[in-house]
Amino acid sequence: MSILFSRLIQILLLRLGPQDLPPGPSVLLATLTLYLVTASLSISLGDGAGSPTLLLLLATGLPMLLVWIVLRLKSRVSRWEQTLSALYGTSALLSLLSLPLNLQVGAEPAPPIVLLSLVIFLWSFAVDAHIWRHALDTSFAAGLAVAMIMFLLSFGIISSVAGPL
Protein backbone atom coordinates (compact mmCIF):
# COMPACT_ATOMS: atom_id res chain seq x y z
CA MET A 1 0.00 0.00 0.00
CA SER A 2 2.88 2.37 0.70
CA ILE A 3 4.19 1.83 -2.85
CA LEU A 4 0.78 2.78 -4.24
CA PHE A 5 0.56 5.86 -2.03
CA SER A 6 4.10 6.90 -2.93
CA ARG A 7 3.42 6.55 -6.64
CA LEU A 8 0.16 8.49 -6.38
CA ILE A 9 2.08 11.31 -4.69
CA GLN A 10 4.61 11.22 -7.54
CA ILE A 11 1.75 11.46 -10.06
CA LEU A 12 0.38 14.43 -8.11
CA LEU A 13 3.81 16.04 -8.48
CA LEU A 14 3.76 15.22 -12.23
CA ARG A 15 6.84 13.00 -11.91
CA LEU A 16 5.21 9.66 -12.72
CA GLY A 17 2.33 8.64 -14.95
CA PRO A 18 -0.51 6.13 -14.63
CA GLN A 19 1.67 3.48 -16.27
CA ASP A 20 3.88 3.59 -13.17
CA LEU A 21 1.10 2.29 -10.92
CA PRO A 22 1.12 -1.42 -10.20
CA PRO A 23 -1.27 -3.11 -12.63
CA GLY A 24 -4.23 -5.18 -11.53
CA PRO A 25 -7.72 -4.98 -10.15
CA SER A 26 -6.54 -4.77 -6.53
CA VAL A 27 -4.98 -1.35 -7.19
CA LEU A 28 -8.16 -0.15 -8.88
CA LEU A 29 -10.21 -1.42 -5.95
CA ALA A 30 -7.91 0.31 -3.45
CA THR A 31 -8.04 3.66 -5.25
CA LEU A 32 -11.79 3.36 -5.82
CA THR A 33 -12.30 2.68 -2.11
CA LEU A 34 -10.18 5.68 -1.16
CA TYR A 35 -12.12 7.79 -3.66
CA LEU A 36 -15.47 6.60 -2.26
CA VAL A 37 -14.40 7.43 1.30
CA THR A 38 -13.18 10.93 0.44
CA ALA A 39 -16.17 11.63 -1.82
CA SER A 40 -18.52 10.52 0.96
CA LEU A 41 -16.77 12.83 3.41
CA SER A 42 -16.96 15.73 0.96
CA ILE A 43 -20.64 15.11 0.29
CA SER A 44 -21.38 14.90 4.01
CA LEU A 45 -19.76 18.32 4.49
CA GLY A 46 -21.83 19.82 1.68
CA ASP A 47 -25.11 21.67 2.00
CA GLY A 48 -27.17 18.52 1.47
CA ALA A 49 -28.48 19.43 -1.97
CA GLY A 50 -29.57 16.50 -4.09
CA SER A 51 -29.41 12.82 -3.27
CA PRO A 52 -26.05 11.87 -1.69
CA THR A 53 -26.34 8.24 -2.78
CA LEU A 54 -27.11 9.13 -6.38
CA LEU A 55 -24.36 11.73 -6.35
CA LEU A 56 -21.84 9.18 -5.09
CA LEU A 57 -22.93 6.58 -7.65
CA LEU A 58 -22.60 9.05 -10.50
CA ALA A 59 -19.27 10.43 -9.23
CA THR A 60 -17.78 6.94 -9.22
CA GLY A 61 -19.57 5.35 -12.17
CA LEU A 62 -19.24 8.13 -14.73
CA PRO A 63 -15.43 8.11 -14.73
CA MET A 64 -15.45 4.36 -15.34
CA LEU A 65 -17.58 4.77 -18.43
CA LEU A 66 -16.04 7.99 -19.75
CA VAL A 67 -12.45 6.80 -19.32
CA TRP A 68 -13.30 3.58 -21.16
CA ILE A 69 -14.93 5.54 -24.01
CA VAL A 70 -11.96 7.90 -24.43
CA LEU A 71 -9.42 5.09 -24.29
CA ARG A 72 -11.53 3.02 -26.70
CA LEU A 73 -11.60 5.88 -29.19
CA LYS A 74 -7.79 5.96 -29.13
CA SER A 75 -7.41 2.13 -29.10
CA ARG A 76 -5.85 2.18 -25.63
CA VAL A 77 -8.43 0.20 -23.60
CA SER A 78 -5.63 -1.90 -22.08
CA ARG A 79 -4.72 1.23 -20.06
CA TRP A 80 -8.16 1.51 -18.47
CA GLU A 81 -7.31 0.08 -15.01
CA GLN A 82 -4.15 2.13 -14.48
CA THR A 83 -5.66 5.33 -15.90
CA LEU A 84 -8.76 5.01 -13.76
CA SER A 85 -6.66 4.09 -10.71
CA ALA A 86 -4.52 7.20 -11.22
CA LEU A 87 -7.59 9.44 -11.64
CA TYR A 88 -9.40 8.00 -8.60
CA GLY A 89 -6.29 7.94 -6.42
CA THR A 90 -5.06 11.44 -7.16
CA SER A 91 -8.57 12.88 -6.91
CA ALA A 92 -8.99 11.22 -3.52
CA LEU A 93 -5.69 12.62 -2.24
CA LEU A 94 -6.53 16.13 -3.45
CA SER A 95 -9.96 15.82 -1.83
CA LEU A 96 -8.31 14.84 1.45
CA LEU A 97 -6.09 17.88 1.14
CA SER A 98 -9.07 20.16 0.61
CA LEU A 99 -11.32 18.67 3.32
CA PRO A 100 -10.00 20.95 6.09
CA LEU A 101 -10.78 23.94 3.88
CA ASN A 102 -14.42 22.85 3.72
CA LEU A 103 -14.68 22.76 7.51
CA GLN A 104 -14.60 26.53 7.88
CA VAL A 105 -17.74 27.66 9.66
CA GLY A 106 -19.59 30.69 8.37
CA ALA A 107 -21.26 31.90 5.22
CA GLU A 108 -18.29 33.72 3.70
CA PRO A 109 -14.94 31.87 3.60
CA ALA A 110 -11.80 33.89 4.23
CA PRO A 111 -9.83 34.98 1.13
CA PRO A 112 -6.85 32.69 1.89
CA ILE A 113 -9.22 29.70 2.07
CA VAL A 114 -10.80 30.64 -1.25
CA LEU A 115 -7.39 31.09 -2.86
CA LEU A 116 -6.08 27.77 -1.54
CA SER A 117 -9.25 26.00 -2.72
CA LEU A 118 -8.80 27.53 -6.17
CA VAL A 119 -5.16 26.43 -6.31
CA ILE A 120 -6.13 22.84 -5.42
CA PHE A 121 -8.95 22.91 -8.01
CA LEU A 122 -6.63 24.18 -10.75
CA TRP A 123 -3.88 21.74 -9.75
CA SER A 124 -6.38 18.90 -10.12
CA PHE A 125 -6.75 19.89 -13.79
CA ALA A 126 -2.97 19.84 -14.22
CA VAL A 127 -2.78 16.37 -12.63
CA ASP A 128 -5.65 15.03 -14.75
CA ALA A 129 -4.05 16.51 -17.88
CA HIS A 130 -0.78 14.81 -16.95
CA ILE A 131 -2.57 11.48 -16.51
CA TRP A 132 -4.40 11.85 -19.84
CA ARG A 133 -1.19 12.87 -21.59
CA HIS A 134 0.39 9.58 -20.59
CA ALA A 135 -2.72 7.44 -21.10
CA LEU A 136 -3.28 8.74 -24.63
CA ASP A 137 0.36 9.32 -25.66
CA THR A 138 -0.39 12.94 -26.48
CA SER A 139 0.64 16.45 -25.52
CA PHE A 140 -0.08 18.11 -22.19
CA ALA A 141 -2.39 20.57 -23.97
CA ALA A 142 -4.43 17.73 -25.47
CA GLY A 143 -4.50 16.03 -22.05
CA LEU A 144 -5.75 19.28 -20.52
CA ALA A 145 -8.47 19.52 -23.16
CA VAL A 146 -9.60 15.95 -22.37
CA ALA A 147 -9.52 16.69 -18.62
CA MET A 148 -11.62 19.82 -19.06
CA ILE A 149 -14.14 18.12 -21.34
CA MET A 150 -14.43 15.21 -18.89
CA PHE A 151 -14.99 17.62 -16.00
CA LEU A 152 -17.64 19.63 -17.85
CA LEU A 153 -19.40 16.52 -19.11
CA SER A 154 -19.40 14.88 -15.67
CA PHE A 155 -20.50 18.09 -13.95
CA GLY A 156 -23.33 18.57 -16.43
CA ILE A 157 -24.57 15.00 -16.16
CA ILE A 158 -24.34 14.89 -12.37
CA SER A 159 -26.05 18.29 -12.00
CA SER A 160 -28.90 17.35 -14.31
CA VAL A 161 -29.47 13.92 -12.75
CA ALA A 162 -28.65 14.39 -9.06
CA GLY A 163 -29.62 18.05 -8.72
CA PRO A 164 -27.57 21.22 -8.32
CA LEU A 165 -24.19 20.83 -6.67
C-alpha atoms as a PDB file:
ATOM      1  CA  MET A   1       0.000   0.000   0.000  1.00  0.00           C
ATOM      2  CA  SER A   2       2.876   2.370   0.702  1.00  0.00           C
ATOM      3  CA  ILE A   3       4.186   1.833  -2.850  1.00  0.00           C
ATOM      4  CA  LEU A   4       0.782   2.779  -4.240  1.00  0.00           C
ATOM      5  CA  PHE A   5       0.557   5.858  -2.026  1.00  0.00           C
ATOM      6  CA  SER A   6       4.101   6.904  -2.927  1.00  0.00           C
ATOM      7  CA  ARG A   7       3.415   6.553  -6.642  1.00  0.00           C
ATOM      8  CA  LEU A   8       0.157   8.486  -6.377  1.00  0.00           C
ATOM      9  CA  ILE A   9       2.077  11.314  -4.689  1.00  0.00           C
ATOM     10  CA  GLN A  10       4.608  11.221  -7.541  1.00  0.00           C
ATOM     11  CA  ILE A  11       1.749  11.456 -10.057  1.00  0.00           C
ATOM     12  CA  LEU A  12       0.379  14.434  -8.106  1.00  0.00           C
ATOM     13  CA  LEU A  13       3.808  16.037  -8.482  1.00  0.00           C
ATOM     14  CA  LEU A  14       3.759  15.220 -12.234  1.00  0.00           C
ATOM     15  CA  ARG A  15       6.835  13.004 -11.910  1.00  0.00           C
ATOM     16  CA  LEU A  16       5.212   9.655 -12.724  1.00  0.00           C
ATOM     17  CA  GLY A  17       2.327   8.638 -14.954  1.00  0.00           C
ATOM     18  CA  PRO A  18      -0.506   6.128 -14.626  1.00  0.00           C
ATOM     19  CA  GLN A  19       1.673   3.480 -16.273  1.00  0.00           C
ATOM     20  CA  ASP A  20       3.879   3.589 -13.166  1.00  0.00           C
ATOM     21  CA  LEU A  21       1.105   2.292 -10.918  1.00  0.00           C
ATOM     22  CA  PRO A  22       1.115  -1.423 -10.202  1.00  0.00           C
ATOM     23  CA  PRO A  23      -1.272  -3.111 -12.633  1.00  0.00           C
ATOM     24  CA  GLY A  24      -4.230  -5.183 -11.533  1.00  0.00           C
ATOM     25  CA  PRO A  25      -7.720  -4.983 -10.155  1.00  0.00           C
ATOM     26  CA  SER A  26      -6.544  -4.770  -6.528  1.00  0.00           C
ATOM     27  CA  VAL A  27      -4.982  -1.354  -7.191  1.00  0.00           C
ATOM     28  CA  LEU A  28      -8.157  -0.148  -8.883  1.00  0.00           C
ATOM     29  CA  LEU A  29     -10.214  -1.425  -5.952  1.00  0.00           C
ATOM     30  CA  ALA A  30      -7.909   0.305  -3.446  1.00  0.00           C
ATOM     31  CA  THR A  31      -8.043   3.663  -5.246  1.00  0.00           C
ATOM     32  CA  LEU A  32     -11.794   3.364  -5.819  1.00  0.00           C
ATOM     33  CA  THR A  33     -12.298   2.678  -2.111  1.00  0.00           C
ATOM     34  CA  LEU A  34     -10.176   5.684  -1.156  1.00  0.00           C
ATOM     35  CA  TYR A  35     -12.116   7.792  -3.656  1.00  0.00           C
ATOM     36  CA  LEU A  36     -15.469   6.599  -2.260  1.00  0.00           C
ATOM     37  CA  VAL A  37     -14.401   7.432   1.300  1.00  0.00           C
ATOM     38  CA  THR A  38     -13.175  10.926   0.443  1.00  0.00           C
ATOM     39  CA  ALA A  39     -16.169  11.626  -1.816  1.00  0.00           C
ATOM     40  CA  SER A  40     -18.517  10.516   0.962  1.00  0.00           C
ATOM     41  CA  LEU A  41     -16.770  12.826   3.412  1.00  0.00           C
ATOM     42  CA  SER A  42     -16.955  15.732   0.960  1.00  0.00           C
ATOM     43  CA  ILE A  43     -20.639  15.111   0.292  1.00  0.00           C
ATOM     44  CA  SER A  44     -21.382  14.902   4.015  1.00  0.00           C
ATOM     45  CA  LEU A  45     -19.758  18.322   4.492  1.00  0.00           C
ATOM     46  CA  GLY A  46     -21.830  19.820   1.683  1.00  0.00           C
ATOM     47  CA  ASP A  47     -25.111  21.673   2.003  1.00  0.00           C
ATOM     48  CA  GLY A  48     -27.171  18.525   1.468  1.00  0.00           C
ATOM     49  CA  ALA A  49     -28.484  19.430  -1.971  1.00  0.00           C
ATOM     50  CA  GLY A  50     -29.573  16.501  -4.094  1.00  0.00           C
ATOM     51  CA  SER A  51     -29.407  12.815  -3.271  1.00  0.00           C
ATOM     52  CA  PRO A  52     -26.052  11.871  -1.688  1.00  0.00           C
ATOM     53  CA  THR A  53     -26.340   8.241  -2.780  1.00  0.00           C
ATOM     54  CA  LEU A  54     -27.107   9.127  -6.381  1.00  0.00           C
ATOM     55  CA  LEU A  55     -24.363  11.735  -6.354  1.00  0.00           C
ATOM     56  CA  LEU A  56     -21.842   9.175  -5.092  1.00  0.00           C
ATOM     57  CA  LEU A  57     -22.932   6.577  -7.651  1.00  0.00           C
ATOM     58  CA  LEU A  58     -22.598   9.052 -10.504  1.00  0.00           C
ATOM     59  CA  ALA A  59     -19.271  10.433  -9.235  1.00  0.00           C
ATOM     60  CA  THR A  60     -17.783   6.937  -9.224  1.00  0.00           C
ATOM     61  CA  GLY A  61     -19.573   5.355 -12.166  1.00  0.00           C
ATOM     62  CA  LEU A  62     -19.244   8.130 -14.726  1.00  0.00           C
ATOM     63  CA  PRO A  63     -15.434   8.114 -14.735  1.00  0.00           C
ATOM     64  CA  MET A  64     -15.455   4.364 -15.339  1.00  0.00           C
ATOM     65  CA  LEU A  65     -17.578   4.773 -18.432  1.00  0.00           C
ATOM     66  CA  LEU A  66     -16.040   7.991 -19.749  1.00  0.00           C
ATOM     67  CA  VAL A  67     -12.450   6.803 -19.320  1.00  0.00           C
ATOM     68  CA  TRP A  68     -13.297   3.584 -21.156  1.00  0.00           C
ATOM     69  CA  ILE A  69     -14.926   5.542 -24.013  1.00  0.00           C
ATOM     70  CA  VAL A  70     -11.960   7.903 -24.429  1.00  0.00           C
ATOM     71  CA  LEU A  71      -9.422   5.091 -24.290  1.00  0.00           C
ATOM     72  CA  ARG A  72     -11.530   3.017 -26.697  1.00  0.00           C
ATOM     73  CA  LEU A  73     -11.598   5.881 -29.195  1.00  0.00           C
ATOM     74  CA  LYS A  74      -7.789   5.958 -29.126  1.00  0.00           C
ATOM     75  CA  SER A  75      -7.412   2.134 -29.100  1.00  0.00           C
ATOM     76  CA  ARG A  76      -5.850   2.180 -25.627  1.00  0.00           C
ATOM     77  CA  VAL A  77      -8.431   0.200 -23.604  1.00  0.00           C
ATOM     78  CA  SER A  78      -5.635  -1.900 -22.082  1.00  0.00           C
ATOM     79  CA  ARG A  79      -4.715   1.231 -20.060  1.00  0.00           C
ATOM     80  CA  TRP A  80      -8.158   1.512 -18.467  1.00  0.00           C
ATOM     81  CA  GLU A  81      -7.312   0.085 -15.014  1.00  0.00           C
ATOM     82  CA  GLN A  82      -4.155   2.133 -14.483  1.00  0.00           C
ATOM     83  CA  THR A  83      -5.661   5.331 -15.899  1.00  0.00           C
ATOM     84  CA  LEU A  84      -8.764   5.010 -13.757  1.00  0.00           C
ATOM     85  CA  SER A  85      -6.658   4.093 -10.709  1.00  0.00           C
ATOM     86  CA  ALA A  86      -4.523   7.199 -11.224  1.00  0.00           C
ATOM     87  CA  LEU A  87      -7.587   9.438 -11.644  1.00  0.00           C
ATOM     88  CA  TYR A  88      -9.397   7.995  -8.600  1.00  0.00           C
ATOM     89  CA  GLY A  89      -6.290   7.939  -6.422  1.00  0.00           C
ATOM     90  CA  THR A  90      -5.061  11.445  -7.159  1.00  0.00           C
ATOM     91  CA  SER A  91      -8.567  12.876  -6.906  1.00  0.00           C
ATOM     92  CA  ALA A  92      -8.988  11.216  -3.516  1.00  0.00           C
ATOM     93  CA  LEU A  93      -5.690  12.624  -2.235  1.00  0.00           C
ATOM     94  CA  LEU A  94      -6.529  16.126  -3.449  1.00  0.00           C
ATOM     95  CA  SER A  95      -9.958  15.821  -1.830  1.00  0.00           C
ATOM     96  CA  LEU A  96      -8.313  14.843   1.446  1.00  0.00           C
ATOM     97  CA  LEU A  97      -6.087  17.883   1.141  1.00  0.00           C
ATOM     98  CA  SER A  98      -9.074  20.159   0.606  1.00  0.00           C
ATOM     99  CA  LEU A  99     -11.319  18.667   3.316  1.00  0.00           C
ATOM    100  CA  PRO A 100     -10.003  20.946   6.088  1.00  0.00           C
ATOM    101  CA  LEU A 101     -10.782  23.940   3.876  1.00  0.00           C
ATOM    102  CA  ASN A 102     -14.420  22.854   3.724  1.00  0.00           C
ATOM    103  CA  LEU A 103     -14.679  22.762   7.512  1.00  0.00           C
ATOM    104  CA  GLN A 104     -14.600  26.532   7.885  1.00  0.00           C
ATOM    105  CA  VAL A 105     -17.740  27.662   9.663  1.00  0.00           C
ATOM    106  CA  GLY A 106     -19.594  30.694   8.369  1.00  0.00           C
ATOM    107  CA  ALA A 107     -21.262  31.903   5.216  1.00  0.00           C
ATOM    108  CA  GLU A 108     -18.293  33.718   3.699  1.00  0.00           C
ATOM    109  CA  PRO A 109     -14.935  31.868   3.599  1.00  0.00           C
ATOM    110  CA  ALA A 110     -11.805  33.888   4.231  1.00  0.00           C
ATOM    111  CA  PRO A 111      -9.833  34.976   1.131  1.00  0.00           C
ATOM    112  CA  PRO A 112      -6.848  32.695   1.886  1.00  0.00           C
ATOM    113  CA  ILE A 113      -9.217  29.698   2.071  1.00  0.00           C
ATOM    114  CA  VAL A 114     -10.803  30.642  -1.252  1.00  0.00           C
ATOM    115  CA  LEU A 115      -7.387  31.091  -2.856  1.00  0.00           C
ATOM    116  CA  LEU A 116      -6.080  27.770  -1.544  1.00  0.00           C
ATOM    117  CA  SER A 117      -9.250  26.004  -2.717  1.00  0.00           C
ATOM    118  CA  LEU A 118      -8.802  27.526  -6.167  1.00  0.00           C
ATOM    119  CA  VAL A 119      -5.163  26.430  -6.312  1.00  0.00           C
ATOM    120  CA  ILE A 120      -6.134  22.839  -5.425  1.00  0.00           C
ATOM    121  CA  PHE A 121      -8.948  22.914  -8.005  1.00  0.00           C
ATOM    122  CA  LEU A 122      -6.631  24.176 -10.746  1.00  0.00           C
ATOM    123  CA  TRP A 123      -3.878  21.741  -9.748  1.00  0.00           C
ATOM    124  CA  SER A 124      -6.376  18.899 -10.120  1.00  0.00           C
ATOM    125  CA  PHE A 125      -6.747  19.890 -13.793  1.00  0.00           C
ATOM    126  CA  ALA A 126      -2.969  19.835 -14.223  1.00  0.00           C
ATOM    127  CA  VAL A 127      -2.779  16.369 -12.633  1.00  0.00           C
ATOM    128  CA  ASP A 128      -5.651  15.031 -14.748  1.00  0.00           C
ATOM    129  CA  ALA A 129      -4.051  16.514 -17.884  1.00  0.00           C
ATOM    130  CA  HIS A 130      -0.778  14.814 -16.945  1.00  0.00           C
ATOM    131  CA  ILE A 131      -2.565  11.477 -16.506  1.00  0.00           C
ATOM    132  CA  TRP A 132      -4.401  11.845 -19.835  1.00  0.00           C
ATOM    133  CA  ARG A 133      -1.193  12.866 -21.591  1.00  0.00           C
ATOM    134  CA  HIS A 134       0.389   9.577 -20.593  1.00  0.00           C
ATOM    135  CA  ALA A 135      -2.716   7.441 -21.104  1.00  0.00           C
ATOM    136  CA  LEU A 136      -3.280   8.744 -24.630  1.00  0.00           C
ATOM    137  CA  ASP A 137       0.359   9.320 -25.661  1.00  0.00           C
ATOM    138  CA  THR A 138      -0.388  12.936 -26.482  1.00  0.00           C
ATOM    139  CA  SER A 139       0.637  16.451 -25.522  1.00  0.00           C
ATOM    140  CA  PHE A 140      -0.079  18.107 -22.190  1.00  0.00           C
ATOM    141  CA  ALA A 141      -2.390  20.571 -23.972  1.00  0.00           C
ATOM    142  CA  ALA A 142      -4.428  17.726 -25.475  1.00  0.00           C
ATOM    143  CA  GLY A 143      -4.504  16.028 -22.055  1.00  0.00           C
ATOM    144  CA  LEU A 144      -5.748  19.276 -20.523  1.00  0.00           C
ATOM    145  CA  ALA A 145      -8.470  19.516 -23.161  1.00  0.00           C
ATOM    146  CA  VAL A 146      -9.596  15.954 -22.367  1.00  0.00           C
ATOM    147  CA  ALA A 147      -9.518  16.686 -18.616  1.00  0.00           C
ATOM    148  CA  MET A 148     -11.625  19.823 -19.057  1.00  0.00           C
ATOM    149  CA  ILE A 149     -14.139  18.115 -21.336  1.00  0.00           C
ATOM    150  CA  MET A 150     -14.429  15.212 -18.895  1.00  0.00           C
ATOM    151  CA  PHE A 151     -14.986  17.623 -15.999  1.00  0.00           C
ATOM    152  CA  LEU A 152     -17.635  19.630 -17.850  1.00  0.00           C
ATOM    153  CA  LEU A 153     -19.396  16.521 -19.108  1.00  0.00           C
ATOM    154  CA  SER A 154     -19.405  14.884 -15.667  1.00  0.00           C
ATOM    155  CA  PHE A 155     -20.498  18.091 -13.950  1.00  0.00           C
ATOM    156  CA  GLY A 156     -23.325  18.567 -16.434  1.00  0.00           C
ATOM    157  CA  ILE A 157     -24.570  14.997 -16.158  1.00  0.00           C
ATOM    158  CA  ILE A 158     -24.338  14.894 -12.367  1.00  0.00           C
ATOM    159  CA  SER A 159     -26.049  18.288 -11.996  1.00  0.00           C
ATOM    160  CA  SER A 160     -28.897  17.351 -14.310  1.00  0.00           C
ATOM    161  CA  VAL A 161     -29.473  13.919 -12.750  1.00  0.00           C
ATOM    162  CA  ALA A 162     -28.654  14.392  -9.060  1.00  0.00           C
ATOM    163  CA  GLY A 163     -29.616  18.045  -8.719  1.00  0.00           C
ATOM    164  CA  PRO A 164     -27.574  21.221  -8.320  1.00  0.00           C
ATOM    165  CA  LEU A 165     -24.187  20.833  -6.670  1.00  0.00           C
END
